[in-house]
PDB file of N, CA and C in Angstrom:
ATOM      1  N   MET A   1     -22.123  58.950 -80.434  1.00  0.00           N
ATOM      2  CA  MET A   1     -22.924  57.796 -80.749  1.00  0.00           C
ATOM      3  C   MET A   1     -24.295  57.907 -80.094  1.00  0.00           C
ATOM      4  N   PHE A   2     -24.330  58.157 -78.793  1.00  0.00           N
ATOM      5  CA  PHE A   2     -25.595  58.346 -78.102  1.00  0.00           C
ATOM      6  C   PHE A   2     -25.773  59.828 -77.807  1.00  0.00           C
ATOM      7  N   ALA A   3     -26.987  60.297 -77.925  1.00  0.00           N
ATOM      8  CA  ALA A   3     -27.258  61.704 -77.643  1.00  0.00           C
ATOM      9  C   ALA A   3     -27.474  61.897 -76.147  1.00  0.00           C
ATOM     10  N   GLN A   4     -26.970  62.998 -75.612  1.00  0.00           N
ATOM     11  CA  GLN A   4     -27.216  63.308 -74.207  1.00  0.00           C
ATOM     12  C   GLN A   4     -28.649  63.801 -74.062  1.00  0.00           C
ATOM     13  N   LYS A   5     -29.233  63.501 -72.947  1.00  0.00           N
ATOM     14  CA  LYS A   5     -30.597  63.924 -72.659  1.00  0.00           C
ATOM     15  C   LYS A   5     -30.566  65.153 -71.772  1.00  0.00           C
ATOM     16  N   LYS A   6     -31.627  65.932 -71.808  1.00  0.00           N
ATOM     17  CA  LYS A   6     -31.759  67.087 -70.932  1.00  0.00           C
ATOM     18  C   LYS A   6     -32.763  66.752 -69.838  1.00  0.00           C
ATOM     19  N   CYS A   7     -32.485  67.247 -68.646  1.00  0.00           N
ATOM     20  CA  CYS A   7     -33.388  67.040 -67.518  1.00  0.00           C
ATOM     21  C   CYS A   7     -34.708  67.748 -67.814  1.00  0.00           C
ATOM     22  N   SER A   8     -35.811  67.067 -67.586  1.00  0.00           N
ATOM     23  CA  SER A   8     -37.124  67.634 -67.872  1.00  0.00           C
ATOM     24  C   SER A   8     -37.499  68.746 -66.909  1.00  0.00           C
ATOM     25  N   PHE A   9     -36.827  68.822 -65.762  1.00  0.00           N
ATOM     26  CA  PHE A   9     -37.163  69.849 -64.780  1.00  0.00           C
ATOM     27  C   PHE A   9     -36.203  71.029 -64.816  1.00  0.00           C
ATOM     28  N   CYS A  10     -34.899  70.771 -64.681  1.00  0.00           N
ATOM     29  CA  CYS A  10     -33.953  71.889 -64.565  1.00  0.00           C
ATOM     30  C   CYS A  10     -33.299  72.262 -65.889  1.00  0.00           C
ATOM     31  N   GLY A  11     -33.308  71.373 -66.871  1.00  0.00           N
ATOM     32  CA  GLY A  11     -32.745  71.685 -68.175  1.00  0.00           C
ATOM     33  C   GLY A  11     -31.273  71.358 -68.337  1.00  0.00           C
ATOM     34  N   LYS A  12     -30.628  70.800 -67.324  1.00  0.00           N
ATOM     35  CA  LYS A  12     -29.213  70.431 -67.425  1.00  0.00           C
ATOM     36  C   LYS A  12     -29.070  69.126 -68.205  1.00  0.00           C
ATOM     37  N   ASP A  13     -27.861  68.899 -68.739  1.00  0.00           N
ATOM     38  CA  ASP A  13     -27.585  67.656 -69.451  1.00  0.00           C
ATOM     39  C   ASP A  13     -27.495  66.497 -68.466  1.00  0.00           C
ATOM     40  N   VAL A  14     -28.062  65.361 -68.863  1.00  0.00           N
ATOM     41  CA  VAL A  14     -27.974  64.138 -68.066  1.00  0.00           C
ATOM     42  C   VAL A  14     -26.917  63.266 -68.725  1.00  0.00           C
ATOM     43  N   ALA A  15     -25.839  62.982 -68.012  1.00  0.00           N
ATOM     44  CA  ALA A  15     -24.749  62.174 -68.556  1.00  0.00           C
ATOM     45  C   ALA A  15     -25.218  60.739 -68.784  1.00  0.00           C
ATOM     46  N   LEU A  16     -24.573  60.086 -69.744  1.00  0.00           N
ATOM     47  CA  LEU A  16     -24.923  58.703 -70.039  1.00  0.00           C
ATOM     48  C   LEU A  16     -24.654  57.821 -68.828  1.00  0.00           C
ATOM     49  N   GLY A  17     -25.609  56.973 -68.487  1.00  0.00           N
ATOM     50  CA  GLY A  17     -25.459  56.091 -67.337  1.00  0.00           C
ATOM     51  C   GLY A  17     -25.918  56.702 -66.028  1.00  0.00           C
ATOM     52  N   TYR A  18     -26.398  57.930 -66.063  1.00  0.00           N
ATOM     53  CA  TYR A  18     -26.846  58.621 -64.855  1.00  0.00           C
ATOM     54  C   TYR A  18     -28.290  59.070 -65.037  1.00  0.00           C
ATOM     55  N   GLY A  19     -28.899  59.475 -63.952  1.00  0.00           N
ATOM     56  CA  GLY A  19     -30.241  60.016 -64.019  1.00  0.00           C
ATOM     57  C   GLY A  19     -31.312  58.950 -63.977  1.00  0.00           C
ATOM     58  N   LEU A  20     -32.542  59.396 -64.171  1.00  0.00           N
ATOM     59  CA  LEU A  20     -33.687  58.507 -64.104  1.00  0.00           C
ATOM     60  C   LEU A  20     -34.625  58.831 -65.253  1.00  0.00           C
ATOM     61  N   MET A  21     -35.113  57.798 -65.930  1.00  0.00           N
ATOM     62  CA  MET A  21     -36.073  57.977 -67.007  1.00  0.00           C
ATOM     63  C   MET A  21     -37.437  57.526 -66.511  1.00  0.00           C
ATOM     64  N   LEU A  22     -38.437  58.384 -66.648  1.00  0.00           N
ATOM     65  CA  LEU A  22     -39.795  58.056 -66.239  1.00  0.00           C
ATOM     66  C   LEU A  22     -40.668  58.015 -67.486  1.00  0.00           C
ATOM     67  N   VAL A  23     -41.394  56.911 -67.673  1.00  0.00           N
ATOM     68  CA  VAL A  23     -42.305  56.775 -68.801  1.00  0.00           C
ATOM     69  C   VAL A  23     -43.712  56.691 -68.246  1.00  0.00           C
ATOM     70  N   ARG A  24     -44.549  57.613 -68.644  1.00  0.00           N
ATOM     71  CA  ARG A  24     -45.935  57.624 -68.172  1.00  0.00           C
ATOM     72  C   ARG A  24     -46.790  56.675 -69.007  1.00  0.00           C
ATOM     73  N   ASN A  25     -48.014  56.435 -68.558  1.00  0.00           N
ATOM     74  CA  ASN A  25     -48.906  55.511 -69.250  1.00  0.00           C
ATOM     75  C   ASN A  25     -49.282  55.993 -70.646  1.00  0.00           C
ATOM     76  N   ASP A  26     -49.245  57.309 -70.874  1.00  0.00           N
ATOM     77  CA  ASP A  26     -49.589  57.841 -72.194  1.00  0.00           C
ATOM     78  C   ASP A  26     -48.401  57.814 -73.155  1.00  0.00           C
ATOM     79  N   GLY A  27     -47.230  57.353 -72.691  1.00  0.00           N
ATOM     80  CA  GLY A  27     -46.057  57.220 -73.545  1.00  0.00           C
ATOM     81  C   GLY A  27     -45.091  58.387 -73.484  1.00  0.00           C
ATOM     82  N   SER A  28     -45.395  59.419 -72.711  1.00  0.00           N
ATOM     83  CA  SER A  28     -44.480  60.555 -72.601  1.00  0.00           C
ATOM     84  C   SER A  28     -43.291  60.170 -71.719  1.00  0.00           C
ATOM     85  N   ILE A  29     -42.099  60.658 -72.095  1.00  0.00           N
ATOM     86  CA  ILE A  29     -40.856  60.301 -71.415  1.00  0.00           C
ATOM     87  C   ILE A  29     -40.287  61.526 -70.732  1.00  0.00           C
ATOM     88  N   TYR A  30     -39.932  61.382 -69.460  1.00  0.00           N
ATOM     89  CA  TYR A  30     -39.318  62.447 -68.678  1.00  0.00           C
ATOM     90  C   TYR A  30     -37.968  61.955 -68.172  1.00  0.00           C
ATOM     91  N   TRP A  31     -36.936  62.807 -68.305  1.00  0.00           N
ATOM     92  CA  TRP A  31     -35.598  62.509 -67.794  1.00  0.00           C
ATOM     93  C   TRP A  31     -35.315  63.413 -66.617  1.00  0.00           C
ATOM     94  N   TYR A  32     -34.743  62.858 -65.550  1.00  0.00           N
ATOM     95  CA  TYR A  32     -34.371  63.636 -64.369  1.00  0.00           C
ATOM     96  C   TYR A  32     -32.899  63.387 -64.058  1.00  0.00           C
ATOM     97  N   CYS A  33     -32.152  64.478 -63.787  1.00  0.00           N
ATOM     98  CA  CYS A  33     -30.714  64.356 -63.526  1.00  0.00           C
ATOM     99  C   CYS A  33     -30.439  64.004 -62.068  1.00  0.00           C
ATOM    100  N   SER A  34     -31.378  64.290 -61.168  1.00  0.00           N
ATOM    101  CA  SER A  34     -31.143  64.032 -59.745  1.00  0.00           C
ATOM    102  C   SER A  34     -32.474  63.804 -59.039  1.00  0.00           C
ATOM    103  N   SER A  35     -32.382  63.328 -57.808  1.00  0.00           N
ATOM    104  CA  SER A  35     -33.602  63.131 -57.024  1.00  0.00           C
ATOM    105  C   SER A  35     -34.213  64.474 -56.641  1.00  0.00           C
ATOM    106  N   LYS A  36     -33.383  65.506 -56.565  1.00  0.00           N
ATOM    107  CA  LYS A  36     -33.879  66.856 -56.278  1.00  0.00           C
ATOM    108  C   LYS A  36     -34.859  67.299 -57.369  1.00  0.00           C
ATOM    109  N   CYS A  37     -34.496  67.091 -58.617  1.00  0.00           N
ATOM    110  CA  CYS A  37     -35.368  67.467 -59.732  1.00  0.00           C
ATOM    111  C   CYS A  37     -36.618  66.596 -59.774  1.00  0.00           C
ATOM    112  N   ARG A  38     -36.446  65.299 -59.544  1.00  0.00           N
ATOM    113  CA  ARG A  38     -37.580  64.374 -59.577  1.00  0.00           C
ATOM    114  C   ARG A  38     -38.601  64.722 -58.504  1.00  0.00           C
ATOM    115  N   LYS A  39     -38.133  64.992 -57.286  1.00  0.00           N
ATOM    116  CA  LYS A  39     -39.043  65.305 -56.187  1.00  0.00           C
ATOM    117  C   LYS A  39     -39.743  66.642 -56.393  1.00  0.00           C
ATOM    118  N   ASN A  40     -39.009  67.649 -56.882  1.00  0.00           N
ATOM    119  CA  ASN A  40     -39.615  68.953 -57.123  1.00  0.00           C
ATOM    120  C   ASN A  40     -40.681  68.875 -58.208  1.00  0.00           C
ATOM    121  N   SER A  41     -40.475  68.016 -59.182  1.00  0.00           N
ATOM    122  CA  SER A  41     -41.418  67.895 -60.283  1.00  0.00           C
ATOM    123  C   SER A  41     -42.630  67.038 -59.922  1.00  0.00           C
ATOM    124  N   LEU A  42     -42.389  65.833 -59.451  1.00  0.00           N
ATOM    125  CA  LEU A  42     -43.474  64.872 -59.251  1.00  0.00           C
ATOM    126  C   LEU A  42     -44.171  65.008 -57.905  1.00  0.00           C
ATOM    127  N   LYS A  43     -43.398  65.079 -56.836  1.00  0.00           N
ATOM    128  CA  LYS A  43     -43.986  65.074 -55.495  1.00  0.00           C
ATOM    129  C   LYS A  43     -44.482  66.455 -55.082  1.00  0.00           C
ATOM    130  N   LEU A  44     -43.663  67.478 -55.320  1.00  0.00           N
ATOM    131  CA  LEU A  44     -43.996  68.826 -54.857  1.00  0.00           C
ATOM    132  C   LEU A  44     -44.719  69.665 -55.907  1.00  0.00           C
ATOM    133  N   ARG A  45     -44.734  69.198 -57.164  1.00  0.00           N
ATOM    134  CA  ARG A  45     -45.436  69.880 -58.267  1.00  0.00           C
ATOM    135  C   ARG A  45     -45.011  71.337 -58.430  1.00  0.00           C
ATOM    136  N   ARG A  46     -43.699  71.604 -58.340  1.00  0.00           N
ATOM    137  CA  ARG A  46     -43.208  72.976 -58.460  1.00  0.00           C
ATOM    138  C   ARG A  46     -43.011  73.358 -59.923  1.00  0.00           C
ATOM    139  N   ASP A  47     -43.116  74.654 -60.184  1.00  0.00           N
ATOM    140  CA  ASP A  47     -42.920  75.194 -61.522  1.00  0.00           C
ATOM    141  C   ASP A  47     -41.439  75.543 -61.692  1.00  0.00           C
ATOM    142  N   PRO A  48     -40.735  74.957 -62.672  1.00  0.00           N
ATOM    143  CA  PRO A  48     -39.302  75.237 -62.821  1.00  0.00           C
ATOM    144  C   PRO A  48     -39.005  76.684 -63.185  1.00  0.00           C
ATOM    145  N   ARG A  49     -39.974  77.419 -63.700  1.00  0.00           N
ATOM    146  CA  ARG A  49     -39.754  78.825 -64.053  1.00  0.00           C
ATOM    147  C   ARG A  49     -39.695  79.724 -62.824  1.00  0.00           C
ATOM    148  N   LYS A  50     -40.078  79.198 -61.651  1.00  0.00           N
ATOM    149  CA  LYS A  50     -40.084  79.998 -60.425  1.00  0.00           C
ATOM    150  C   LYS A  50     -38.937  79.656 -59.478  1.00  0.00           C
ATOM    151  N   LEU A  51     -38.073  78.718 -59.857  1.00  0.00           N
ATOM    152  CA  LEU A  51     -36.942  78.323 -59.014  1.00  0.00           C
ATOM    153  C   LEU A  51     -35.650  78.842 -59.625  1.00  0.00           C
ATOM    154  N   LYS A  52     -34.873  79.567 -58.841  1.00  0.00           N
ATOM    155  CA  LYS A  52     -33.702  80.274 -59.357  1.00  0.00           C
ATOM    156  C   LYS A  52     -32.596  79.361 -59.858  1.00  0.00           C
ATOM    157  N   TRP A  53     -32.528  78.125 -59.422  1.00  0.00           N
ATOM    158  CA  TRP A  53     -31.439  77.239 -59.807  1.00  0.00           C
ATOM    159  C   TRP A  53     -31.694  76.498 -61.116  1.00  0.00           C
ATOM    160  N   THR A  54     -32.844  76.684 -61.762  1.00  0.00           N
ATOM    161  CA  THR A  54     -33.128  76.007 -63.023  1.00  0.00           C
ATOM    162  C   THR A  54     -32.758  76.894 -64.205  1.00  0.00           C
ATOM    163  N   THR A  55     -32.482  76.262 -65.340  1.00  0.00           N
ATOM    164  CA  THR A  55     -32.158  77.040 -66.539  1.00  0.00           C
ATOM    165  C   THR A  55     -33.401  77.700 -67.118  1.00  0.00           C
ATOM    166  N   PHE A  56     -34.577  77.160 -66.841  1.00  0.00           N
ATOM    167  CA  PHE A  56     -35.811  77.768 -67.336  1.00  0.00           C
ATOM    168  C   PHE A  56     -36.069  79.110 -66.654  1.00  0.00           C
ATOM    169  N   TYR A  57     -35.682  79.239 -65.391  1.00  0.00           N
ATOM    170  CA  TYR A  57     -35.785  80.516 -64.674  1.00  0.00           C
ATOM    171  C   TYR A  57     -34.830  81.527 -65.295  1.00  0.00           C
ATOM    172  N   LYS A  58     -33.605  81.081 -65.553  1.00  0.00           N
ATOM    173  CA  LYS A  58     -32.581  81.972 -66.096  1.00  0.00           C
ATOM    174  C   LYS A  58     -32.918  82.428 -67.510  1.00  0.00           C
ATOM    175  N   LYS A  59     -33.564  81.575 -68.307  1.00  0.00           N
ATOM    176  CA  LYS A  59     -33.978  81.957 -69.660  1.00  0.00           C
ATOM    177  C   LYS A  59     -35.067  83.018 -69.609  1.00  0.00           C
ATOM    178  N   GLY A  60     -36.012  82.859 -68.685  1.00  0.00           N
ATOM    179  CA  GLY A  60     -37.123  83.798 -68.574  1.00  0.00           C
ATOM    180  C   GLY A  60     -36.703  85.175 -68.102  1.00  0.00           C
ATOM    181  N   LYS A  61     -35.697  85.231 -67.230  1.00  0.00           N
ATOM    182  CA  LYS A  61     -35.249  86.519 -66.699  1.00  0.00           C
ATOM    183  C   LYS A  61     -34.286  87.223 -67.649  1.00  0.00           C
ATOM    184  N   GLY A  62     -33.743  86.455 -68.608  1.00  0.00           N
ATOM    185  CA  GLY A  62     -32.887  86.908 -69.676  1.00  0.00           C
ATOM    186  C   GLY A  62     -31.900  87.899 -69.393  1.00  0.00           C
TER     187      GLY A  62
END
């Protein structure tokens, strides 16, 4: 019935009723599965392609 969302930082599925949705002033929507992902993205401005625990890193190294 409801589609699962993917974390905007690590790429994992966010279960229904969990996670955090961030809506920016321009209307773009970001989903985060944990505070770890939220902090790495917003506060620390890290690139998910350079962190080994993200799916974006694993896709790039193939």
